[in-house]
Amino acid sequence: MEMVTRMVADRPVVIFSRTACCMSHTIKTLISGFGANPTVYELDEVPYGGQIERALQQMGCKPSVPVVFIGHQFIGGPNQVMSLQGKNQLVPLLIRAGAIWL
């Protein structure tokens, strides 16, 4: 978990993803579509990707990708992100985190 904490530090939006995951692509596209530039870690390409994925699972991430952090806060997976979007809460969260400006 400490590794994940270090990876999300000082970054407004972090997405843990897999290159072949369609839901990861959807979430990256959604967040980027608002003008945010998320830091994306493709777990099938980064060193220690398996360890990171296990740490995310220990945090309760099921499935393990995509996982989103906004403003150092664990948001969750695609269901949580889409729920925030449906309630018009995603953009204000991105603004508060300094990921986008309006």
PDB file of N, CA and C in Angstrom:
ATOM      1  N   MET A   1       0.814  -1.202   0.000  1.00  0.00           N
ATOM      2  CA  MET A   1       0.000   0.000   0.000  1.00  0.00           C
ATOM      3  C   MET A   1       0.851   1.256   0.000  1.00  0.00           C
ATOM      4  N   GLU A   2       1.996   1.169   0.638  1.00  0.00           N
ATOM      5  CA  GLU A   2       2.893   2.329   0.687  1.00  0.00           C
ATOM      6  C   GLU A   2       3.334   2.717  -0.724  1.00  0.00           C
ATOM      7  N   MET A   3       3.556   1.718  -1.574  1.00  0.00           N
ATOM      8  CA  MET A   3       3.958   1.991  -2.952  1.00  0.00           C
ATOM      9  C   MET A   3       2.870   2.774  -3.686  1.00  0.00           C
ATOM     10  N   VAL A   4       1.616   2.382  -3.497  1.00  0.00           N
ATOM     11  CA  VAL A   4       0.495   3.072  -4.131  1.00  0.00           C
ATOM     12  C   VAL A   4       0.403   4.498  -3.602  1.00  0.00           C
ATOM     13  N   THR A   5       0.553   4.680  -2.313  1.00  0.00           N
ATOM     14  CA  THR A   5       0.497   6.012  -1.707  1.00  0.00           C
ATOM     15  C   THR A   5       1.553   6.925  -2.306  1.00  0.00           C
ATOM     16  N   ARG A   6       2.759   6.400  -2.494  1.00  0.00           N
ATOM     17  CA  ARG A   6       3.827   7.203  -3.097  1.00  0.00           C
ATOM     18  C   ARG A   6       3.514   7.546  -4.552  1.00  0.00           C
ATOM     19  N   MET A   7       2.885   6.621  -5.252  1.00  0.00           N
ATOM     20  CA  MET A   7       2.599   6.839  -6.669  1.00  0.00           C
ATOM     21  C   MET A   7       1.512   7.898  -6.894  1.00  0.00           C
ATOM     22  N   VAL A   8       0.619   8.062  -5.944  1.00  0.00           N
ATOM     23  CA  VAL A   8      -0.456   9.051  -6.112  1.00  0.00           C
ATOM     24  C   VAL A   8      -0.110  10.399  -5.487  1.00  0.00           C
ATOM     25  N   ALA A   9       0.981  10.461  -4.742  1.00  0.00           N
ATOM     26  CA  ALA A   9       1.376  11.713  -4.091  1.00  0.00           C
ATOM     27  C   ALA A   9       1.704  12.778  -5.136  1.00  0.00           C
ATOM     28  N   ASP A  10       1.285  13.993  -4.856  1.00  0.00           N
ATOM     29  CA  ASP A  10       1.602  15.163  -5.684  1.00  0.00           C
ATOM     30  C   ASP A  10       1.066  15.094  -7.108  1.00  0.00           C
ATOM     31  N   ARG A  11       0.043  14.301  -7.325  1.00  0.00           N
ATOM     32  CA  ARG A  11      -0.577  14.219  -8.651  1.00  0.00           C
ATOM     33  C   ARG A  11      -2.078  14.387  -8.474  1.00  0.00           C
ATOM     34  N   PRO A  12      -2.694  15.289  -9.235  1.00  0.00           N
ATOM     35  CA  PRO A  12      -4.128  15.525  -9.045  1.00  0.00           C
ATOM     36  C   PRO A  12      -5.005  14.344  -9.431  1.00  0.00           C
ATOM     37  N   VAL A  13      -4.643  13.615 -10.493  1.00  0.00           N
ATOM     38  CA  VAL A  13      -5.435  12.459 -10.924  1.00  0.00           C
ATOM     39  C   VAL A  13      -4.487  11.329 -11.310  1.00  0.00           C
ATOM     40  N   VAL A  14      -4.733  10.157 -10.731  1.00  0.00           N
ATOM     41  CA  VAL A  14      -3.943   8.968 -11.054  1.00  0.00           C
ATOM     42  C   VAL A  14      -4.911   7.851 -11.404  1.00  0.00           C
ATOM     43  N   ILE A  15      -4.601   7.170 -12.511  1.00  0.00           N
ATOM     44  CA  ILE A  15      -5.400   6.026 -12.929  1.00  0.00           C
ATOM     45  C   ILE A  15      -4.467   4.823 -13.053  1.00  0.00           C
ATOM     46  N   PHE A  16      -4.816   3.747 -12.373  1.00  0.00           N
ATOM     47  CA  PHE A  16      -4.123   2.480 -12.538  1.00  0.00           C
ATOM     48  C   PHE A  16      -4.935   1.685 -13.549  1.00  0.00           C
ATOM     49  N   SER A  17      -4.257   1.189 -14.577  1.00  0.00           N
ATOM     50  CA  SER A  17      -4.935   0.661 -15.740  1.00  0.00           C
ATOM     51  C   SER A  17      -4.204  -0.565 -16.271  1.00  0.00           C
ATOM     52  N   ARG A  18      -4.784  -1.181 -17.284  1.00  0.00           N
ATOM     53  CA  ARG A  18      -4.132  -2.212 -18.097  1.00  0.00           C
ATOM     54  C   ARG A  18      -4.364  -1.815 -19.549  1.00  0.00           C
ATOM     55  N   THR A  19      -3.377  -2.016 -20.383  1.00  0.00           N
ATOM     56  CA  THR A  19      -3.459  -1.540 -21.765  1.00  0.00           C
ATOM     57  C   THR A  19      -4.613  -2.155 -22.543  1.00  0.00           C
ATOM     58  N   ALA A  20      -4.968  -3.397 -22.270  1.00  0.00           N
ATOM     59  CA  ALA A  20      -6.014  -4.075 -23.042  1.00  0.00           C
ATOM     60  C   ALA A  20      -7.391  -4.017 -22.378  1.00  0.00           C
ATOM     61  N   CYS A  21      -7.536  -3.247 -21.324  1.00  0.00           N
ATOM     62  CA  CYS A  21      -8.800  -3.189 -20.588  1.00  0.00           C
ATOM     63  C   CYS A  21      -9.696  -2.094 -21.171  1.00  0.00           C
ATOM     64  N   CYS A  22     -10.855  -2.490 -21.697  1.00  0.00           N
ATOM     65  CA  CYS A  22     -11.750  -1.511 -22.320  1.00  0.00           C
ATOM     66  C   CYS A  22     -12.326  -0.531 -21.295  1.00  0.00           C
ATOM     67  N   MET A  23     -12.580  -0.978 -20.068  1.00  0.00           N
ATOM     68  CA  MET A  23     -13.102  -0.055 -19.050  1.00  0.00           C
ATOM     69  C   MET A  23     -12.030   0.957 -18.649  1.00  0.00           C
ATOM     70  N   SER A  24     -10.782   0.529 -18.617  1.00  0.00           N
ATOM     71  CA  SER A  24      -9.696   1.468 -18.337  1.00  0.00           C
ATOM     72  C   SER A  24      -9.656   2.543 -19.411  1.00  0.00           C
ATOM     73  N   HIS A  25      -9.773   2.139 -20.662  1.00  0.00           N
ATOM     74  CA  HIS A  25      -9.776   3.092 -21.771  1.00  0.00           C
ATOM     75  C   HIS A  25     -10.944   4.074 -21.629  1.00  0.00           C
ATOM     76  N   THR A  26     -12.108   3.566 -21.266  1.00  0.00           N
ATOM     77  CA  THR A  26     -13.298   4.410 -21.109  1.00  0.00           C
ATOM     78  C   THR A  26     -13.092   5.459 -20.018  1.00  0.00           C
ATOM     79  N   ILE A  27     -12.562   5.048 -18.889  1.00  0.00           N
ATOM     80  CA  ILE A  27     -12.358   5.972 -17.769  1.00  0.00           C
ATOM     81  C   ILE A  27     -11.283   7.003 -18.109  1.00  0.00           C
ATOM     82  N   LYS A  28     -10.200   6.570 -18.758  1.00  0.00           N
ATOM     83  CA  LYS A  28      -9.153   7.512 -19.166  1.00  0.00           C
ATOM     84  C   LYS A  28      -9.715   8.543 -20.148  1.00  0.00           C
ATOM     85  N   THR A  29     -10.530   8.079 -21.084  1.00  0.00           N
ATOM     86  CA  THR A  29     -11.133   8.973 -22.076  1.00  0.00           C
ATOM     87  C   THR A  29     -12.094   9.961 -21.412  1.00  0.00           C
ATOM     88  N   LEU A  30     -12.901   9.484 -20.477  1.00  0.00           N
ATOM     89  CA  LEU A  30     -13.851  10.341 -19.768  1.00  0.00           C
ATOM     90  C   LEU A  30     -13.120  11.459 -19.038  1.00  0.00           C
ATOM     91  N   ILE A  31     -12.145  11.105 -18.236  1.00  0.00           N
ATOM     92  CA  ILE A  31     -11.437  12.095 -17.419  1.00  0.00           C
ATOM     93  C   ILE A  31     -10.616  13.040 -18.308  1.00  0.00           C
ATOM     94  N   SER A  32      -9.969  12.524 -19.319  1.00  0.00           N
ATOM     95  CA  SER A  32      -9.204  13.370 -20.243  1.00  0.00           C
ATOM     96  C   SER A  32     -10.120  14.291 -21.032  1.00  0.00           C
ATOM     97  N   GLY A  33     -11.340  13.844 -21.282  1.00  0.00           N
ATOM     98  CA  GLY A  33     -12.298  14.646 -22.028  1.00  0.00           C
ATOM     99  C   GLY A  33     -12.673  15.945 -21.329  1.00  0.00           C
ATOM    100  N   PHE A  34     -12.479  16.007 -20.030  1.00  0.00           N
ATOM    101  CA  PHE A  34     -12.748  17.239 -19.282  1.00  0.00           C
ATOM    102  C   PHE A  34     -11.542  18.175 -19.278  1.00  0.00           C
ATOM    103  N   GLY A  35     -10.456  17.737 -19.890  1.00  0.00           N
ATOM    104  CA  GLY A  35      -9.250  18.560 -19.942  1.00  0.00           C
ATOM    105  C   GLY A  35      -8.206  18.171 -18.916  1.00  0.00           C
ATOM    106  N   ALA A  36      -8.475  17.149 -18.135  1.00  0.00           N
ATOM    107  CA  ALA A  36      -7.496  16.686 -17.150  1.00  0.00           C
ATOM    108  C   ALA A  36      -6.402  15.895 -17.861  1.00  0.00           C
ATOM    109  N   ASN A  37      -5.245  15.884 -17.271  1.00  0.00           N
ATOM    110  CA  ASN A  37      -4.128  15.110 -17.791  1.00  0.00           C
ATOM    111  C   ASN A  37      -3.709  14.109 -16.713  1.00  0.00           C
ATOM    112  N   PRO A  38      -4.435  12.996 -16.620  1.00  0.00           N
ATOM    113  CA  PRO A  38      -4.154  12.062 -15.532  1.00  0.00           C
ATOM    114  C   PRO A  38      -2.806  11.368 -15.692  1.00  0.00           C
ATOM    115  N   THR A  39      -2.206  11.053 -14.568  1.00  0.00           N
ATOM    116  CA  THR A  39      -1.041  10.177 -14.574  1.00  0.00           C
ATOM    117  C   THR A  39      -1.588   8.763 -14.668  1.00  0.00           C
ATOM    118  N   VAL A  40      -1.152   8.030 -15.675  1.00  0.00           N
ATOM    119  CA  VAL A  40      -1.673   6.686 -15.911  1.00  0.00           C
ATOM    120  C   VAL A  40      -0.545   5.677 -15.736  1.00  0.00           C
ATOM    121  N   TYR A  41      -0.787   4.693 -14.895  1.00  0.00           N
ATOM    122  CA  TYR A  41       0.139   3.588 -14.715  1.00  0.00           C
ATOM    123  C   TYR A  41      -0.485   2.349 -15.335  1.00  0.00           C
ATOM    124  N   GLU A  42       0.101   1.882 -16.431  1.00  0.00           N
ATOM    125  CA  GLU A  42      -0.361   0.658 -17.078  1.00  0.00           C
ATOM    126  C   GLU A  42       0.318  -0.506 -16.361  1.00  0.00           C
ATOM    127  N   LEU A  43      -0.442  -1.235 -15.563  1.00  0.00           N
ATOM    128  CA  LEU A  43       0.144  -2.245 -14.688  1.00  0.00           C
ATOM    129  C   LEU A  43       0.766  -3.413 -15.438  1.00  0.00           C
ATOM    130  N   ASP A  44       0.392  -3.584 -16.699  1.00  0.00           N
ATOM    131  CA  ASP A  44       1.027  -4.643 -17.486  1.00  0.00           C
ATOM    132  C   ASP A  44       2.307  -4.158 -18.167  1.00  0.00           C
ATOM    133  N   GLU A  45       2.683  -2.905 -17.932  1.00  0.00           N
ATOM    134  CA  GLU A  45       3.897  -2.350 -18.537  1.00  0.00           C
ATOM    135  C   GLU A  45       4.898  -1.805 -17.522  1.00  0.00           C
ATOM    136  N   VAL A  46       4.445  -1.453 -16.328  1.00  0.00           N
ATOM    137  CA  VAL A  46       5.356  -0.842 -15.348  1.00  0.00           C
ATOM    138  C   VAL A  46       6.038  -1.920 -14.506  1.00  0.00           C
ATOM    139  N   PRO A  47       7.259  -1.619 -14.033  1.00  0.00           N
ATOM    140  CA  PRO A  47       7.913  -2.553 -13.109  1.00  0.00           C
ATOM    141  C   PRO A  47       7.050  -2.724 -11.852  1.00  0.00           C
ATOM    142  N   TYR A  48       7.015  -3.902 -11.337  1.00  0.00           N
ATOM    143  CA  TYR A  48       6.274  -4.229 -10.122  1.00  0.00           C
ATOM    144  C   TYR A  48       4.758  -4.082 -10.295  1.00  0.00           C
ATOM    145  N   GLY A  49       4.285  -4.167 -11.532  1.00  0.00           N
ATOM    146  CA  GLY A  49       2.856  -4.036 -11.791  1.00  0.00           C
ATOM    147  C   GLY A  49       2.020  -5.044 -11.022  1.00  0.00           C
ATOM    148  N   GLY A  50       2.514  -6.272 -10.912  1.00  0.00           N
ATOM    149  CA  GLY A  50       1.792  -7.305 -10.159  1.00  0.00           C
ATOM    150  C   GLY A  50       1.671  -6.958  -8.691  1.00  0.00           C
ATOM    151  N   GLN A  51       2.733  -6.440  -8.096  1.00  0.00           N
ATOM    152  CA  GLN A  51       2.697  -6.039  -6.688  1.00  0.00           C
ATOM    153  C   GLN A  51       1.730  -4.881  -6.485  1.00  0.00           C
ATOM    154  N   ILE A  52       1.740  -3.940  -7.406  1.00  0.00           N
ATOM    155  CA  ILE A  52       0.831  -2.801  -7.306  1.00  0.00           C
ATOM    156  C   ILE A  52      -0.611  -3.286  -7.400  1.00  0.00           C
ATOM    157  N   GLU A  53      -0.862  -4.189  -8.332  1.00  0.00           N
ATOM    158  CA  GLU A  53      -2.216  -4.717  -8.499  1.00  0.00           C
ATOM    159  C   GLU A  53      -2.688  -5.441  -7.242  1.00  0.00           C
ATOM    160  N   ARG A  54      -1.813  -6.208  -6.621  1.00  0.00           N
ATOM    161  CA  ARG A  54      -2.178  -6.887  -5.364  1.00  0.00           C
ATOM    162  C   ARG A  54      -2.472  -5.878  -4.261  1.00  0.00           C
ATOM    163  N   ALA A  55      -1.694  -4.807  -4.190  1.00  0.00           N
ATOM    164  CA  ALA A  55      -1.946  -3.764  -3.184  1.00  0.00           C
ATOM    165  C   ALA A  55      -3.301  -3.111  -3.427  1.00  0.00           C
ATOM    166  N   LEU A  56      -3.655  -2.873  -4.680  1.00  0.00           N
ATOM    167  CA  LEU A  56      -4.960  -2.291  -4.998  1.00  0.00           C
ATOM    168  C   LEU A  56      -6.081  -3.243  -4.598  1.00  0.00           C
ATOM    169  N   GLN A  57      -5.882  -4.526  -4.821  1.00  0.00           N
ATOM    170  CA  GLN A  57      -6.887  -5.513  -4.415  1.00  0.00           C
ATOM    171  C   GLN A  57      -7.049  -5.534  -2.906  1.00  0.00           C
ATOM    172  N   GLN A  58      -5.955  -5.376  -2.174  1.00  0.00           N
ATOM    173  CA  GLN A  58      -6.020  -5.335  -0.711  1.00  0.00           C
ATOM    174  C   GLN A  58      -6.782  -4.104  -0.229  1.00  0.00           C
ATOM    175  N   MET A  59      -6.787  -3.054  -1.049  1.00  0.00           N
ATOM    176  CA  MET A  59      -7.538  -1.838  -0.707  1.00  0.00           C
ATOM    177  C   MET A  59      -9.023  -2.016  -0.993  1.00  0.00           C
ATOM    178  N   GLY A  60      -9.386  -3.143  -1.588  1.00  0.00           N
ATOM    179  CA  GLY A  60     -10.786  -3.411  -1.879  1.00  0.00           C
ATOM    180  C   GLY A  60     -11.174  -3.186  -3.326  1.00  0.00           C
ATOM    181  N   CYS A  61     -10.206  -3.020  -4.189  1.00  0.00           N
ATOM    182  CA  CYS A  61     -10.483  -2.781  -5.608  1.00  0.00           C
ATOM    183  C   CYS A  61     -10.768  -4.110  -6.297  1.00  0.00           C
ATOM    184  N   LYS A  62     -12.001  -4.305  -6.659  1.00  0.00           N
ATOM    185  CA  LYS A  62     -12.400  -5.508  -7.374  1.00  0.00           C
ATOM    186  C   LYS A  62     -13.350  -5.094  -8.469  1.00  0.00           C
ATOM    187  N   PRO A  63     -13.015  -5.189  -9.732  1.00  0.00           N
ATOM    188  CA  PRO A  63     -11.740  -5.666 -10.263  1.00  0.00           C
ATOM    189  C   PRO A  63     -10.610  -4.690  -9.950  1.00  0.00           C
ATOM    190  N   SER A  64      -9.412  -5.143 -10.178  1.00  0.00           N
ATOM    191  CA  SER A  64      -8.254  -4.352  -9.762  1.00  0.00           C
ATOM    192  C   SER A  64      -7.960  -3.170 -10.674  1.00  0.00           C
ATOM    193  N   VAL A  65      -8.492  -3.148 -11.886  1.00  0.00           N
ATOM    194  CA  VAL A  65      -8.326  -2.000 -12.787  1.00  0.00           C
ATOM    195  C   VAL A  65      -9.620  -1.755 -13.531  1.00  0.00           C
ATOM    196  N   PRO A  66      -9.918  -0.541 -13.912  1.00  0.00           N
ATOM    197  CA  PRO A  66      -9.181   0.668 -13.582  1.00  0.00           C
ATOM    198  C   PRO A  66      -9.474   1.108 -12.144  1.00  0.00           C
ATOM    199  N   VAL A  67      -8.514   1.778 -11.562  1.00  0.00           N
ATOM    200  CA  VAL A  67      -8.654   2.359 -10.229  1.00  0.00           C
ATOM    201  C   VAL A  67      -8.267   3.829 -10.332  1.00  0.00           C
ATOM    202  N   VAL A  68      -9.088   4.691  -9.752  1.00  0.00           N
ATOM    203  CA  VAL A  68      -8.892   6.131  -9.891  1.00  0.00           C
ATOM    204  C   VAL A  68      -8.685   6.780  -8.522  1.00  0.00           C
ATOM    205  N   PHE A  69      -7.688   7.663  -8.481  1.00  0.00           N
ATOM    206  CA  PHE A  69      -7.450   8.527  -7.331  1.00  0.00           C
ATOM    207  C   PHE A  69      -7.570   9.957  -7.839  1.00  0.00           C
ATOM    208  N   ILE A  70      -8.321  10.784  -7.139  1.00  0.00           N
ATOM    209  CA  ILE A  70      -8.437  12.201  -7.479  1.00  0.00           C
ATOM    210  C   ILE A  70      -8.121  13.004  -6.227  1.00  0.00           C
ATOM    211  N   GLY A  71      -7.145  13.892  -6.347  1.00  0.00           N
ATOM    212  CA  GLY A  71      -6.738  14.687  -5.187  1.00  0.00           C
ATOM    213  C   GLY A  71      -6.259  13.827  -4.046  1.00  0.00           C
ATOM    214  N   HIS A  72      -5.500  12.792  -4.350  1.00  0.00           N
ATOM    215  CA  HIS A  72      -4.942  11.836  -3.386  1.00  0.00           C
ATOM    216  C   HIS A  72      -6.018  10.973  -2.733  1.00  0.00           C
ATOM    217  N   GLN A  73      -7.258  11.150  -3.124  1.00  0.00           N
ATOM    218  CA  GLN A  73      -8.368  10.413  -2.522  1.00  0.00           C
ATOM    219  C   GLN A  73      -8.714   9.214  -3.402  1.00  0.00           C
ATOM    220  N   PHE A  74      -8.830   8.062  -2.780  1.00  0.00           N
ATOM    221  CA  PHE A  74      -9.231   6.857  -3.486  1.00  0.00           C
ATOM    222  C   PHE A  74     -10.696   6.993  -3.885  1.00  0.00           C
ATOM    223  N   ILE A  75     -10.963   6.996  -5.193  1.00  0.00           N
ATOM    224  CA  ILE A  75     -12.324   7.114  -5.691  1.00  0.00           C
ATOM    225  C   ILE A  75     -12.924   5.737  -5.915  1.00  0.00           C
ATOM    226  N   GLY A  76     -12.171   4.860  -6.551  1.00  0.00           N
ATOM    227  CA  GLY A  76     -12.641   3.510  -6.814  1.00  0.00           C
ATOM    228  C   GLY A  76     -12.481   3.158  -8.273  1.00  0.00           C
ATOM    229  N   GLY A  77     -13.346   2.267  -8.715  1.00  0.00           N
ATOM    230  CA  GLY A  77     -13.291   1.780 -10.080  1.00  0.00           C
ATOM    231  C   GLY A  77     -14.293   2.462 -10.983  1.00  0.00           C
ATOM    232  N   PRO A  78     -14.585   1.831 -12.110  1.00  0.00           N
ATOM    233  CA  PRO A  78     -15.468   2.469 -13.099  1.00  0.00           C
ATOM    234  C   PRO A  78     -16.871   2.746 -12.575  1.00  0.00           C
ATOM    235  N   ASN A  79     -17.415   1.882 -11.748  1.00  0.00           N
ATOM    236  CA  ASN A  79     -18.762   2.118 -11.215  1.00  0.00           C
ATOM    237  C   ASN A  79     -18.819   3.384 -10.384  1.00  0.00           C
ATOM    238  N   GLN A  80     -17.816   3.596  -9.547  1.00  0.00           N
ATOM    239  CA  GLN A  80     -17.794   4.783  -8.701  1.00  0.00           C
ATOM    240  C   GLN A  80     -17.585   6.042  -9.530  1.00  0.00           C
ATOM    241  N   VAL A  81     -16.691   5.969 -10.520  1.00  0.00           N
ATOM    242  CA  VAL A  81     -16.423   7.137 -11.367  1.00  0.00           C
ATOM    243  C   VAL A  81     -17.671   7.494 -12.172  1.00  0.00           C
ATOM    244  N   MET A  82     -18.311   6.499 -12.766  1.00  0.00           N
ATOM    245  CA  MET A  82     -19.512   6.759 -13.562  1.00  0.00           C
ATOM    246  C   MET A  82     -20.660   7.260 -12.684  1.00  0.00           C
ATOM    247  N   SER A  83     -20.733   6.787 -11.460  1.00  0.00           N
ATOM    248  CA  SER A  83     -21.745   7.275 -10.523  1.00  0.00           C
ATOM    249  C   SER A  83     -21.523   8.753 -10.223  1.00  0.00           C
ATOM    250  N   LEU A  84     -20.264   9.135  -9.987  1.00  0.00           N
ATOM    251  CA  LEU A  84     -19.946  10.552  -9.757  1.00  0.00           C
ATOM    252  C   LEU A  84     -20.322  11.385 -10.977  1.00  0.00           C
ATOM    253  N   GLN A  85     -20.032  10.869 -12.158  1.00  0.00           N
ATOM    254  CA  GLN A  85     -20.364  11.592 -13.380  1.00  0.00           C
ATOM    255  C   GLN A  85     -21.879  11.739 -13.514  1.00  0.00           C
ATOM    256  N   GLY A  86     -22.615  10.674 -13.227  1.00  0.00           N
ATOM    257  CA  GLY A  86     -24.070  10.718 -13.321  1.00  0.00           C
ATOM    258  C   GLY A  86     -24.699  11.706 -12.350  1.00  0.00           C
ATOM    259  N   LYS A  87     -24.044  11.945 -11.234  1.00  0.00           N
ATOM    260  CA  LYS A  87     -24.543  12.890 -10.225  1.00  0.00           C
ATOM    261  C   LYS A  87     -23.945  14.292 -10.415  1.00  0.00           C
ATOM    262  N   ASN A  88     -23.225  14.485 -11.512  1.00  0.00           N
ATOM    263  CA  ASN A  88     -22.542  15.763 -11.787  1.00  0.00           C
ATOM    264  C   ASN A  88     -21.567  16.151 -10.678  1.00  0.00           C
ATOM    265  N   GLN A  89     -20.903  15.151 -10.102  1.00  0.00           N
ATOM    266  CA  GLN A  89     -19.936  15.411  -9.033  1.00  0.00           C
ATOM    267  C   GLN A  89     -18.490  15.205  -9.466  1.00  0.00           C
ATOM    268  N   LEU A  90     -18.293  14.641 -10.654  1.00  0.00           N
ATOM    269  CA  LEU A  90     -16.928  14.353 -11.101  1.00  0.00           C
ATOM    270  C   LEU A  90     -16.156  15.627 -11.434  1.00  0.00           C
ATOM    271  N   VAL A  91     -16.743  16.516 -12.209  1.00  0.00           N
ATOM    272  CA  VAL A  91     -16.056  17.758 -12.593  1.00  0.00           C
ATOM    273  C   VAL A  91     -15.697  18.597 -11.363  1.00  0.00           C
ATOM    274  N   PRO A  92     -16.632  18.827 -10.412  1.00  0.00           N
ATOM    275  CA  PRO A  92     -16.227  19.588  -9.220  1.00  0.00           C
ATOM    276  C   PRO A  92     -15.073  18.937  -8.451  1.00  0.00           C
ATOM    277  N   LEU A  93     -15.045  17.618  -8.437  1.00  0.00           N
ATOM    278  CA  LEU A  93     -13.954  16.911  -7.769  1.00  0.00           C
ATOM    279  C   LEU A  93     -12.631  17.158  -8.495  1.00  0.00           C
ATOM    280  N   LEU A  94     -12.663  17.116  -9.817  1.00  0.00           N
ATOM    281  CA  LEU A  94     -11.462  17.401 -10.613  1.00  0.00           C
ATOM    282  C   LEU A  94     -10.986  18.839 -10.427  1.00  0.00           C
ATOM    283  N   ILE A  95     -11.925  19.759 -10.332  1.00  0.00           N
ATOM    284  CA  ILE A  95     -11.574  21.172 -10.112  1.00  0.00           C
ATOM    285  C   ILE A  95     -10.920  21.345  -8.748  1.00  0.00           C
ATOM    286  N   ARG A  96     -11.527  20.790  -7.710  1.00  0.00           N
ATOM    287  CA  ARG A  96     -10.963  20.901  -6.355  1.00  0.00           C
ATOM    288  C   ARG A  96      -9.554  20.302  -6.268  1.00  0.00           C
ATOM    289  N   ALA A  97      -9.311  19.261  -7.049  1.00  0.00           N
ATOM    290  CA  ALA A  97      -8.002  18.613  -7.031  1.00  0.00           C
ATOM    291  C   ALA A  97      -6.969  19.388  -7.848  1.00  0.00           C
ATOM    292  N   GLY A  98      -7.418  20.398  -8.589  1.00  0.00           N
ATOM    293  CA  GLY A  98      -6.497  21.161  -9.426  1.00  0.00           C
ATOM    294  C   GLY A  98      -6.178  20.466 -10.739  1.00  0.00           C
ATOM    295  N   ALA A  99      -7.013  19.501 -11.128  1.00  0.00           N
ATOM    296  CA  ALA A  99      -6.785  18.763 -12.369  1.00  0.00           C
ATOM    297  C   ALA A  99      -7.322  19.504 -13.583  1.00  0.00           C
ATOM    298  N   ILE A 100      -8.337  20.320 -13.378  1.00  0.00           N
ATOM    299  CA  ILE A 100      -8.879  21.144 -14.455  1.00  0.00           C
ATOM    300  C   ILE A 100      -9.225  22.516 -13.901  1.00  0.00           C
ATOM    301  N   TRP A 101      -9.299  23.473 -14.800  1.00  0.00           N
ATOM    302  CA  TRP A 101      -9.652  24.832 -14.438  1.00  0.00           C
ATOM    303  C   TRP A 101     -10.788  25.281 -15.333  1.00  0.00           C
ATOM    304  N   LEU A 102     -11.721  26.014 -14.786  1.00  0.00           N
ATOM    305  CA  LEU A 102     -12.822  26.552 -15.595  1.00  0.00           C
ATOM    306  C   LEU A 102     -12.877  28.050 -15.468  1.00  0.00           C
TER     307      LEU A 102
END
